[in-house]
Amino acid sequence: MSEASWSGGGTIEWTMSASLEDVTRGGEQVPEVTSLARAVRAWQALPEEQRADAVLTAERPVTLPGELPADRYVGEAIGRIAAQLPEDATDDEGATAA
């Protein structure tokens, strides 16, 4: 399990379950339920116009540096989680970030 940590912040468990919602896939809005790492990568791969409406819901609260813990992030707030994603973060299936 790969975790990100920083001084004064918490630890992000990249393997926890998360869903990426309010994203149109194949003409339908179907939530993607996966690991936090994969959900963040999926958000990064979205076109800019879809990123703004996307909602990421984590299994447990995520604590980002200087912020209160939250388990729901919308639009560019997901980018703050993405900024913490280490290159070697593994997800629930052992895949690493590209």
PDB file of N, CA and C in Angstrom:
ATOM      1  N   MET A   1       0.852  -1.173   0.000  1.00  0.00           N
ATOM      2  CA  MET A   1       0.000   0.000   0.000  1.00  0.00           C
ATOM      3  C   MET A   1       0.895   1.231   0.000  1.00  0.00           C
ATOM      4  N   SER A   2       0.622   2.159  -0.883  1.00  0.00           N
ATOM      5  CA  SER A   2       1.400   3.387  -0.978  1.00  0.00           C
ATOM      6  C   SER A   2       0.587   4.527  -0.385  1.00  0.00           C
ATOM      7  N   GLU A   3       1.213   5.309   0.449  1.00  0.00           N
ATOM      8  CA  GLU A   3       0.524   6.425   1.076  1.00  0.00           C
ATOM      9  C   GLU A   3       1.343   7.692   0.888  1.00  0.00           C
ATOM     10  N   ALA A   4       0.659   8.803   0.820  1.00  0.00           N
ATOM     11  CA  ALA A   4       1.323  10.096   0.756  1.00  0.00           C
ATOM     12  C   ALA A   4       1.224  10.725   2.129  1.00  0.00           C
ATOM     13  N   SER A   5       2.280  11.311   2.595  1.00  0.00           N
ATOM     14  CA  SER A   5       2.221  12.017   3.876  1.00  0.00           C
ATOM     15  C   SER A   5       3.033  13.292   3.762  1.00  0.00           C
ATOM     16  N   TRP A   6       2.738  14.229   4.625  1.00  0.00           N
ATOM     17  CA  TRP A   6       3.418  15.507   4.606  1.00  0.00           C
ATOM     18  C   TRP A   6       3.356  16.082   5.999  1.00  0.00           C
ATOM     19  N   SER A   7       4.263  16.977   6.270  1.00  0.00           N
ATOM     20  CA  SER A   7       4.321  17.594   7.592  1.00  0.00           C
ATOM     21  C   SER A   7       3.067  18.412   7.850  1.00  0.00           C
ATOM     22  N   GLY A   8       2.455  18.198   9.000  1.00  0.00           N
ATOM     23  CA  GLY A   8       1.286  18.974   9.380  1.00  0.00           C
ATOM     24  C   GLY A   8      -0.001  18.517   8.736  1.00  0.00           C
ATOM     25  N   GLY A   9       0.073  17.531   7.867  1.00  0.00           N
ATOM     26  CA  GLY A   9      -1.120  17.034   7.213  1.00  0.00           C
ATOM     27  C   GLY A   9      -1.428  15.634   7.676  1.00  0.00           C
ATOM     28  N   GLY A  10      -2.200  14.949   6.906  1.00  0.00           N
ATOM     29  CA  GLY A  10      -2.555  13.584   7.239  1.00  0.00           C
ATOM     30  C   GLY A  10      -1.930  12.630   6.253  1.00  0.00           C
ATOM     31  N   THR A  11      -2.508  11.463   6.167  1.00  0.00           N
ATOM     32  CA  THR A  11      -2.058  10.445   5.239  1.00  0.00           C
ATOM     33  C   THR A  11      -3.221  10.106   4.328  1.00  0.00           C
ATOM     34  N   ILE A  12      -2.943   9.986   3.057  1.00  0.00           N
ATOM     35  CA  ILE A  12      -3.985   9.617   2.110  1.00  0.00           C
ATOM     36  C   ILE A  12      -3.836   8.136   1.799  1.00  0.00           C
ATOM     37  N   GLU A  13      -4.902   7.394   1.995  1.00  0.00           N
ATOM     38  CA  GLU A  13      -4.908   5.971   1.665  1.00  0.00           C
ATOM     39  C   GLU A  13      -5.450   5.838   0.241  1.00  0.00           C
ATOM     40  N   TRP A  14      -4.553   5.725  -0.715  1.00  0.00           N
ATOM     41  CA  TRP A  14      -4.920   5.725  -2.124  1.00  0.00           C
ATOM     42  C   TRP A  14      -5.714   4.493  -2.533  1.00  0.00           C
ATOM     43  N   THR A  15      -5.686   3.433  -1.728  1.00  0.00           N
ATOM     44  CA  THR A  15      -6.400   2.205  -2.076  1.00  0.00           C
ATOM     45  C   THR A  15      -7.840   2.176  -1.580  1.00  0.00           C
ATOM     46  N   MET A  16      -8.258   3.169  -0.779  1.00  0.00           N
ATOM     47  CA  MET A  16      -9.646   3.165  -0.295  1.00  0.00           C
ATOM     48  C   MET A  16     -10.609   3.309  -1.463  1.00  0.00           C
ATOM     49  N   SER A  17     -11.820   2.853  -1.271  1.00  0.00           N
ATOM     50  CA  SER A  17     -12.851   2.964  -2.305  1.00  0.00           C
ATOM     51  C   SER A  17     -13.249   4.422  -2.500  1.00  0.00           C
ATOM     52  N   ALA A  18     -13.548   4.746  -3.737  1.00  0.00           N
ATOM     53  CA  ALA A  18     -14.005   6.096  -4.070  1.00  0.00           C
ATOM     54  C   ALA A  18     -14.869   6.005  -5.322  1.00  0.00           C
ATOM     55  N   SER A  19     -15.736   6.975  -5.495  1.00  0.00           N
ATOM     56  CA  SER A  19     -16.537   7.024  -6.717  1.00  0.00           C
ATOM     57  C   SER A  19     -16.364   8.380  -7.374  1.00  0.00           C
ATOM     58  N   LEU A  20     -16.333   8.353  -8.688  1.00  0.00           N
ATOM     59  CA  LEU A  20     -16.289   9.570  -9.487  1.00  0.00           C
ATOM     60  C   LEU A  20     -17.642   9.662 -10.171  1.00  0.00           C
ATOM     61  N   GLU A  21     -18.385  10.715  -9.859  1.00  0.00           N
ATOM     62  CA  GLU A  21     -19.771  10.840 -10.321  1.00  0.00           C
ATOM     63  C   GLU A  21     -19.978  12.123 -11.117  1.00  0.00           C
ATOM     64  N   ASP A  22     -21.176  12.233 -11.692  1.00  0.00           N
ATOM     65  CA  ASP A  22     -21.586  13.387 -12.494  1.00  0.00           C
ATOM     66  C   ASP A  22     -20.672  13.604 -13.693  1.00  0.00           C
ATOM     67  N   VAL A  23     -20.226  12.487 -14.263  1.00  0.00           N
ATOM     68  CA  VAL A  23     -19.395  12.515 -15.460  1.00  0.00           C
ATOM     69  C   VAL A  23     -20.127  11.693 -16.513  1.00  0.00           C
ATOM     70  N   THR A  24     -20.349  12.273 -17.687  1.00  0.00           N
ATOM     71  CA  THR A  24     -21.050  11.566 -18.750  1.00  0.00           C
ATOM     72  C   THR A  24     -20.093  10.606 -19.442  1.00  0.00           C
ATOM     73  N   ARG A  25     -20.505   9.338 -19.464  1.00  0.00           N
ATOM     74  CA  ARG A  25     -19.728   8.302 -20.148  1.00  0.00           C
ATOM     75  C   ARG A  25     -20.676   7.576 -21.102  1.00  0.00           C
ATOM     76  N   GLY A  26     -20.370   7.606 -22.375  1.00  0.00           N
ATOM     77  CA  GLY A  26     -21.229   6.932 -23.346  1.00  0.00           C
ATOM     78  C   GLY A  26     -22.647   7.458 -23.372  1.00  0.00           C
ATOM     79  N   GLY A  27     -22.823   8.749 -23.126  1.00  0.00           N
ATOM     80  CA  GLY A  27     -24.139   9.366 -23.149  1.00  0.00           C
ATOM     81  C   GLY A  27     -24.926   9.229 -21.857  1.00  0.00           C
ATOM     82  N   GLU A  28     -24.362   8.540 -20.865  1.00  0.00           N
ATOM     83  CA  GLU A  28     -25.042   8.357 -19.582  1.00  0.00           C
ATOM     84  C   GLU A  28     -24.139   8.807 -18.443  1.00  0.00           C
ATOM     85  N   GLN A  29     -24.768   9.201 -17.341  1.00  0.00           N
ATOM     86  CA  GLN A  29     -23.999   9.526 -16.139  1.00  0.00           C
ATOM     87  C   GLN A  29     -23.957   8.286 -15.265  1.00  0.00           C
ATOM     88  N   VAL A  30     -22.848   7.578 -15.351  1.00  0.00           N
ATOM     89  CA  VAL A  30     -22.669   6.342 -14.599  1.00  0.00           C
ATOM     90  C   VAL A  30     -21.501   6.548 -13.649  1.00  0.00           C
ATOM     91  N   PRO A  31     -21.716   6.391 -12.337  1.00  0.00           N
ATOM     92  CA  PRO A  31     -20.606   6.569 -11.402  1.00  0.00           C
ATOM     93  C   PRO A  31     -19.541   5.496 -11.605  1.00  0.00           C
ATOM     94  N   GLU A  32     -18.297   5.899 -11.475  1.00  0.00           N
ATOM     95  CA  GLU A  32     -17.179   4.964 -11.545  1.00  0.00           C
ATOM     96  C   GLU A  32     -16.739   4.692 -10.115  1.00  0.00           C
ATOM     97  N   VAL A  33     -16.905   3.455  -9.655  1.00  0.00           N
ATOM     98  CA  VAL A  33     -16.505   3.084  -8.305  1.00  0.00           C
ATOM     99  C   VAL A  33     -15.208   2.303  -8.412  1.00  0.00           C
ATOM    100  N   THR A  34     -14.191   2.778  -7.726  1.00  0.00           N
ATOM    101  CA  THR A  34     -12.849   2.233  -7.867  1.00  0.00           C
ATOM    102  C   THR A  34     -12.027   2.646  -6.652  1.00  0.00           C
ATOM    103  N   SER A  35     -10.721   2.622  -6.766  1.00  0.00           N
ATOM    104  CA  SER A  35      -9.867   3.125  -5.690  1.00  0.00           C
ATOM    105  C   SER A  35      -9.746   4.642  -5.816  1.00  0.00           C
ATOM    106  N   LEU A  36      -9.319   5.279  -4.747  1.00  0.00           N
ATOM    107  CA  LEU A  36      -9.118   6.728  -4.780  1.00  0.00           C
ATOM    108  C   LEU A  36      -8.089   7.097  -5.840  1.00  0.00           C
ATOM    109  N   ALA A  37      -6.999   6.336  -5.928  1.00  0.00           N
ATOM    110  CA  ALA A  37      -5.957   6.631  -6.924  1.00  0.00           C
ATOM    111  C   ALA A  37      -6.529   6.586  -8.338  1.00  0.00           C
ATOM    112  N   ARG A  38      -7.291   5.551  -8.649  1.00  0.00           N
ATOM    113  CA  ARG A  38      -7.867   5.434  -9.999  1.00  0.00           C
ATOM    114  C   ARG A  38      -8.919   6.505 -10.262  1.00  0.00           C
ATOM    115  N   ALA A  39      -9.710   6.852  -9.266  1.00  0.00           N
ATOM    116  CA  ALA A  39     -10.719   7.898  -9.441  1.00  0.00           C
ATOM    117  C   ALA A  39     -10.052   9.237  -9.736  1.00  0.00           C
ATOM    118  N   VAL A  40      -8.963   9.529  -9.034  1.00  0.00           N
ATOM    119  CA  VAL A  40      -8.235  10.781  -9.267  1.00  0.00           C
ATOM    120  C   VAL A  40      -7.625  10.774 -10.666  1.00  0.00           C
ATOM    121  N   ARG A  41      -7.035   9.649 -11.078  1.00  0.00           N
ATOM    122  CA  ARG A  41      -6.467   9.561 -12.427  1.00  0.00           C
ATOM    123  C   ARG A  41      -7.558   9.706 -13.487  1.00  0.00           C
ATOM    124  N   ALA A  42      -8.729   9.113 -13.238  1.00  0.00           N
ATOM    125  CA  ALA A  42      -9.843   9.240 -14.188  1.00  0.00           C
ATOM    126  C   ALA A  42     -10.270  10.698 -14.307  1.00  0.00           C
ATOM    127  N   TRP A  43     -10.306  11.414 -13.184  1.00  0.00           N
ATOM    128  CA  TRP A  43     -10.652  12.842 -13.205  1.00  0.00           C
ATOM    129  C   TRP A  43      -9.607  13.619 -14.006  1.00  0.00           C
ATOM    130  N   GLN A  44      -8.322  13.295 -13.817  1.00  0.00           N
ATOM    131  CA  GLN A  44      -7.261  13.986 -14.548  1.00  0.00           C
ATOM    132  C   GLN A  44      -7.394  13.773 -16.054  1.00  0.00           C
ATOM    133  N   ALA A  45      -7.926  12.634 -16.467  1.00  0.00           N
ATOM    134  CA  ALA A  45      -8.054  12.314 -17.887  1.00  0.00           C
ATOM    135  C   ALA A  45      -9.292  12.941 -18.537  1.00  0.00           C
ATOM    136  N   LEU A  46     -10.182  13.514 -17.733  1.00  0.00           N
ATOM    137  CA  LEU A  46     -11.402  14.122 -18.274  1.00  0.00           C
ATOM    138  C   LEU A  46     -11.095  15.406 -19.032  1.00  0.00           C
ATOM    139  N   PRO A  47     -11.915  15.735 -20.034  1.00  0.00           N
ATOM    140  CA  PRO A  47     -11.815  17.051 -20.663  1.00  0.00           C
ATOM    141  C   PRO A  47     -12.129  18.130 -19.620  1.00  0.00           C
ATOM    142  N   GLU A  48     -11.538  19.283 -19.776  1.00  0.00           N
ATOM    143  CA  GLU A  48     -11.713  20.385 -18.815  1.00  0.00           C
ATOM    144  C   GLU A  48     -13.179  20.666 -18.497  1.00  0.00           C
ATOM    145  N   GLU A  49     -14.041  20.642 -19.520  1.00  0.00           N
ATOM    146  CA  GLU A  49     -15.445  20.984 -19.293  1.00  0.00           C
ATOM    147  C   GLU A  49     -16.159  19.950 -18.416  1.00  0.00           C
ATOM    148  N   GLN A  50     -15.689  18.716 -18.381  1.00  0.00           N
ATOM    149  CA  GLN A  50     -16.303  17.699 -17.522  1.00  0.00           C
ATOM    150  C   GLN A  50     -15.722  17.709 -16.113  1.00  0.00           C
ATOM    151  N   ARG A  51     -14.500  18.174 -15.969  1.00  0.00           N
ATOM    152  CA  ARG A  51     -13.871  18.209 -14.643  1.00  0.00           C
ATOM    153  C   ARG A  51     -14.653  19.076 -13.663  1.00  0.00           C
ATOM    154  N   ALA A  52     -15.174  20.201 -14.132  1.00  0.00           N
ATOM    155  CA  ALA A  52     -15.853  21.161 -13.250  1.00  0.00           C
ATOM    156  C   ALA A  52     -17.080  20.567 -12.569  1.00  0.00           C
ATOM    157  N   ASP A  53     -17.778  19.660 -13.247  1.00  0.00           N
ATOM    158  CA  ASP A  53     -19.007  19.084 -12.694  1.00  0.00           C
ATOM    159  C   ASP A  53     -18.788  17.768 -11.953  1.00  0.00           C
ATOM    160  N   ALA A  54     -17.605  17.204 -12.065  1.00  0.00           N
ATOM    161  CA  ALA A  54     -17.330  15.898 -11.459  1.00  0.00           C
ATOM    162  C   ALA A  54     -17.369  15.971  -9.934  1.00  0.00           C
ATOM    163  N   VAL A  55     -17.841  14.890  -9.329  1.00  0.00           N
ATOM    164  CA  VAL A  55     -17.906  14.770  -7.871  1.00  0.00           C
ATOM    165  C   VAL A  55     -17.153  13.507  -7.473  1.00  0.00           C
ATOM    166  N   LEU A  56     -16.201  13.649  -6.569  1.00  0.00           N
ATOM    167  CA  LEU A  56     -15.466  12.506  -6.039  1.00  0.00           C
ATOM    168  C   LEU A  56     -15.899  12.292  -4.598  1.00  0.00           C
ATOM    169  N   THR A  57     -16.346  11.085  -4.295  1.00  0.00           N
ATOM    170  CA  THR A  57     -16.740  10.732  -2.934  1.00  0.00           C
ATOM    171  C   THR A  57     -15.841   9.602  -2.467  1.00  0.00           C
ATOM    172  N   ALA A  58     -15.125   9.830  -1.379  1.00  0.00           N
ATOM    173  CA  ALA A  58     -14.198   8.837  -0.838  1.00  0.00           C
ATOM    174  C   ALA A  58     -14.872   8.017   0.255  1.00  0.00           C
ATOM    175  N   GLU A  59     -14.383   6.812   0.443  1.00  0.00           N
ATOM    176  CA  GLU A  59     -14.903   5.908   1.475  1.00  0.00           C
ATOM    177  C   GLU A  59     -14.768   6.515   2.868  1.00  0.00           C
ATOM    178  N   ARG A  60     -13.661   7.218   3.085  1.00  0.00           N
ATOM    179  CA  ARG A  60     -13.391   7.883   4.367  1.00  0.00           C
ATOM    180  C   ARG A  60     -12.889   9.296   4.080  1.00  0.00           C
ATOM    181  N   PRO A  61     -12.961  10.186   5.049  1.00  0.00           N
ATOM    182  CA  PRO A  61     -12.456  11.543   4.836  1.00  0.00           C
ATOM    183  C   PRO A  61     -10.972  11.564   4.470  1.00  0.00           C
ATOM    184  N   VAL A  62     -10.640  12.492   3.596  1.00  0.00           N
ATOM    185  CA  VAL A  62      -9.264  12.736   3.167  1.00  0.00           C
ATOM    186  C   VAL A  62      -8.844  14.063   3.781  1.00  0.00           C
ATOM    187  N   THR A  63      -7.671  14.101   4.391  1.00  0.00           N
ATOM    188  CA  THR A  63      -7.167  15.339   4.983  1.00  0.00           C
ATOM    189  C   THR A  63      -6.050  15.877   4.105  1.00  0.00           C
ATOM    190  N   LEU A  64      -6.283  17.033   3.514  1.00  0.00           N
ATOM    191  CA  LEU A  64      -5.273  17.703   2.701  1.00  0.00           C
ATOM    192  C   LEU A  64      -4.578  18.758   3.547  1.00  0.00           C
ATOM    193  N   PRO A  65      -3.343  19.113   3.207  1.00  0.00           N
ATOM    194  CA  PRO A  65      -2.610  20.117   3.988  1.00  0.00           C
ATOM    195  C   PRO A  65      -3.403  21.413   4.131  1.00  0.00           C
ATOM    196  N   GLY A  66      -3.559  21.857   5.368  1.00  0.00           N
ATOM    197  CA  GLY A  66      -4.229  23.118   5.649  1.00  0.00           C
ATOM    198  C   GLY A  66      -5.741  23.086   5.518  1.00  0.00           C
ATOM    199  N   GLU A  67      -6.333  21.901   5.345  1.00  0.00           N
ATOM    200  CA  GLU A  67      -7.782  21.792   5.180  1.00  0.00           C
ATOM    201  C   GLU A  67      -8.368  20.835   6.209  1.00  0.00           C
ATOM    202  N   LEU A  68      -9.653  20.980   6.443  1.00  0.00           N
ATOM    203  CA  LEU A  68     -10.364  20.040   7.300  1.00  0.00           C
ATOM    204  C   LEU A  68     -10.632  18.757   6.509  1.00  0.00           C
ATOM    205  N   PRO A  69     -10.731  17.621   7.185  1.00  0.00           N
ATOM    206  CA  PRO A  69     -11.023  16.374   6.481  1.00  0.00           C
ATOM    207  C   PRO A  69     -12.371  16.451   5.761  1.00  0.00           C
ATOM    208  N   ALA A  70     -12.427  15.874   4.573  1.00  0.00           N
ATOM    209  CA  ALA A  70     -13.675  15.824   3.810  1.00  0.00           C
ATOM    210  C   ALA A  70     -13.712  14.523   3.021  1.00  0.00           C
ATOM    211  N   ASP A  71     -14.910  14.023   2.777  1.00  0.00           N
ATOM    212  CA  ASP A  71     -15.031  12.804   1.978  1.00  0.00           C
ATOM    213  C   ASP A  71     -15.698  13.077   0.632  1.00  0.00           C
ATOM    214  N   ARG A  72     -15.952  14.348   0.332  1.00  0.00           N
ATOM    215  CA  ARG A  72     -16.593  14.714  -0.935  1.00  0.00           C
ATOM    216  C   ARG A  72     -15.906  15.951  -1.500  1.00  0.00           C
ATOM    217  N   TYR A  73     -15.498  15.847  -2.756  1.00  0.00           N
ATOM    218  CA  TYR A  73     -14.822  16.947  -3.437  1.00  0.00           C
ATOM    219  C   TYR A  73     -15.488  17.157  -4.788  1.00  0.00           C
ATOM    220  N   VAL A  74     -15.611  18.412  -5.213  1.00  0.00           N
ATOM    221  CA  VAL A  74     -16.282  18.747  -6.463  1.00  0.00           C
ATOM    222  C   VAL A  74     -15.346  19.562  -7.342  1.00  0.00           C
ATOM    223  N   GLY A  75     -15.338  19.246  -8.641  1.00  0.00           N
ATOM    224  CA  GLY A  75     -14.591  20.016  -9.626  1.00  0.00           C
ATOM    225  C   GLY A  75     -13.121  20.164  -9.305  1.00  0.00           C
ATOM    226  N   GLU A  76     -12.657  21.397  -9.334  1.00  0.00           N
ATOM    227  CA  GLU A  76     -11.236  21.663  -9.129  1.00  0.00           C
ATOM    228  C   GLU A  76     -10.745  21.277  -7.739  1.00  0.00           C
ATOM    229  N   ALA A  77     -11.645  21.081  -6.789  1.00  0.00           N
ATOM    230  CA  ALA A  77     -11.222  20.598  -5.467  1.00  0.00           C
ATOM    231  C   ALA A  77     -10.591  19.213  -5.597  1.00  0.00           C
ATOM    232  N   ILE A  78     -11.027  18.432  -6.590  1.00  0.00           N
ATOM    233  CA  ILE A  78     -10.422  17.125  -6.843  1.00  0.00           C
ATOM    234  C   ILE A  78      -8.966  17.312  -7.263  1.00  0.00           C
ATOM    235  N   GLY A  79      -8.681  18.420  -7.925  1.00  0.00           N
ATOM    236  CA  GLY A  79      -7.306  18.727  -8.322  1.00  0.00           C
ATOM    237  C   GLY A  79      -6.370  18.867  -7.134  1.00  0.00           C
ATOM    238  N   ARG A  80      -6.904  19.293  -5.985  1.00  0.00           N
ATOM    239  CA  ARG A  80      -6.062  19.402  -4.783  1.00  0.00           C
ATOM    240  C   ARG A  80      -5.661  18.019  -4.285  1.00  0.00           C
ATOM    241  N   ILE A  81      -6.535  17.038  -4.470  1.00  0.00           N
ATOM    242  CA  ILE A  81      -6.166  15.660  -4.135  1.00  0.00           C
ATOM    243  C   ILE A  81      -5.158  15.155  -5.169  1.00  0.00           C
ATOM    244  N   ALA A  82      -5.419  15.434  -6.438  1.00  0.00           N
ATOM    245  CA  ALA A  82      -4.526  14.989  -7.510  1.00  0.00           C
ATOM    246  C   ALA A  82      -3.106  15.508  -7.310  1.00  0.00           C
ATOM    247  N   ALA A  83      -2.983  16.711  -6.766  1.00  0.00           N
ATOM    248  CA  ALA A  83      -1.655  17.286  -6.526  1.00  0.00           C
ATOM    249  C   ALA A  83      -0.865  16.478  -5.502  1.00  0.00           C
ATOM    250  N   GLN A  84      -1.556  15.692  -4.681  1.00  0.00           N
ATOM    251  CA  GLN A  84      -0.898  14.877  -3.655  1.00  0.00           C
ATOM    252  C   GLN A  84      -0.597  13.457  -4.144  1.00  0.00           C
ATOM    253  N   LEU A  85      -1.115  13.083  -5.308  1.00  0.00           N
ATOM    254  CA  LEU A  85      -0.949  11.723  -5.825  1.00  0.00           C
ATOM    255  C   LEU A  85       0.504  11.482  -6.217  1.00  0.00           C
ATOM    256  N   PRO A  86       1.208  10.614  -5.483  1.00  0.00           N
ATOM    257  CA  PRO A  86       2.604  10.346  -5.832  1.00  0.00           C
ATOM    258  C   PRO A  86       2.688   9.500  -7.102  1.00  0.00           C
ATOM    259  N   GLU A  87       3.788   9.632  -7.822  1.00  0.00           N
ATOM    260  CA  GLU A  87       3.957   8.879  -9.063  1.00  0.00           C
ATOM    261  C   GLU A  87       3.893   7.380  -8.825  1.00  0.00           C
ATOM    262  N   ASP A  88       4.320   6.939  -7.655  1.00  0.00           N
ATOM    263  CA  ASP A  88       4.357   5.502  -7.384  1.00  0.00           C
ATOM    264  C   ASP A  88       3.144   5.007  -6.599  1.00  0.00           C
ATOM    265  N   ALA A  89       2.081   5.812  -6.534  1.00  0.00           N
ATOM    266  CA  ALA A  89       0.878   5.386  -5.804  1.00  0.00           C
ATOM    267  C   ALA A  89       0.279   4.168  -6.484  1.00  0.00           C
ATOM    268  N   THR A  90      -0.001   3.150  -5.700  1.00  0.00           N
ATOM    269  CA  THR A  90      -0.650   1.963  -6.251  1.00  0.00           C
ATOM    270  C   THR A  90      -2.113   1.981  -5.868  1.00  0.00           C
ATOM    271  N   ASP A  91      -2.913   1.364  -6.700  1.00  0.00           N
ATOM    272  CA  ASP A  91      -4.337   1.293  -6.406  1.00  0.00           C
ATOM    273  C   ASP A  91      -4.694  -0.114  -5.957  1.00  0.00           C
ATOM    274  N   ASP A  92      -5.965  -0.381  -5.863  1.00  0.00           N
ATOM    275  CA  ASP A  92      -6.432  -1.671  -5.353  1.00  0.00           C
ATOM    276  C   ASP A  92      -6.056  -2.860  -6.222  1.00  0.00           C
ATOM    277  N   GLU A  93      -5.642  -2.617  -7.451  1.00  0.00           N
ATOM    278  CA  GLU A  93      -5.251  -3.709  -8.335  1.00  0.00           C
ATOM    279  C   GLU A  93      -3.750  -3.714  -8.584  1.00  0.00           C
ATOM    280  N   GLY A  94      -3.002  -2.912  -7.829  1.00  0.00           N
ATOM    281  CA  GLY A  94      -1.557  -2.905  -7.937  1.00  0.00           C
ATOM    282  C   GLY A  94      -0.999  -2.069  -9.068  1.00  0.00           C
ATOM    283  N   ALA A  95      -1.849  -1.395  -9.831  1.00  0.00           N
ATOM    284  CA  ALA A  95      -1.364  -0.553 -10.918  1.00  0.00           C
ATOM    285  C   ALA A  95      -0.755   0.716 -10.347  1.00  0.00           C
ATOM    286  N   THR A  96       0.237   1.243 -11.024  1.00  0.00           N
ATOM    287  CA  THR A  96       0.861   2.481 -10.573  1.00  0.00           C
ATOM    288  C   THR A  96       0.513   3.609 -11.517  1.00  0.00           C
ATOM    289  N   ALA A  97       0.678   4.827 -11.016  1.00  0.00           N
ATOM    290  CA  ALA A  97       0.399   6.009 -11.835  1.00  0.00           C
ATOM    291  C   ALA A  97       1.356   6.049 -13.007  1.00  0.00           C
ATOM    292  N   ALA A  98       0.879   6.519 -14.134  1.00  0.00           N
ATOM    293  CA  ALA A  98       1.709   6.591 -15.337  1.00  0.00           C
ATOM    294  C   ALA A  98       2.608   7.797 -15.300  1.00  0.00           C
TER     295      ALA A  98
END
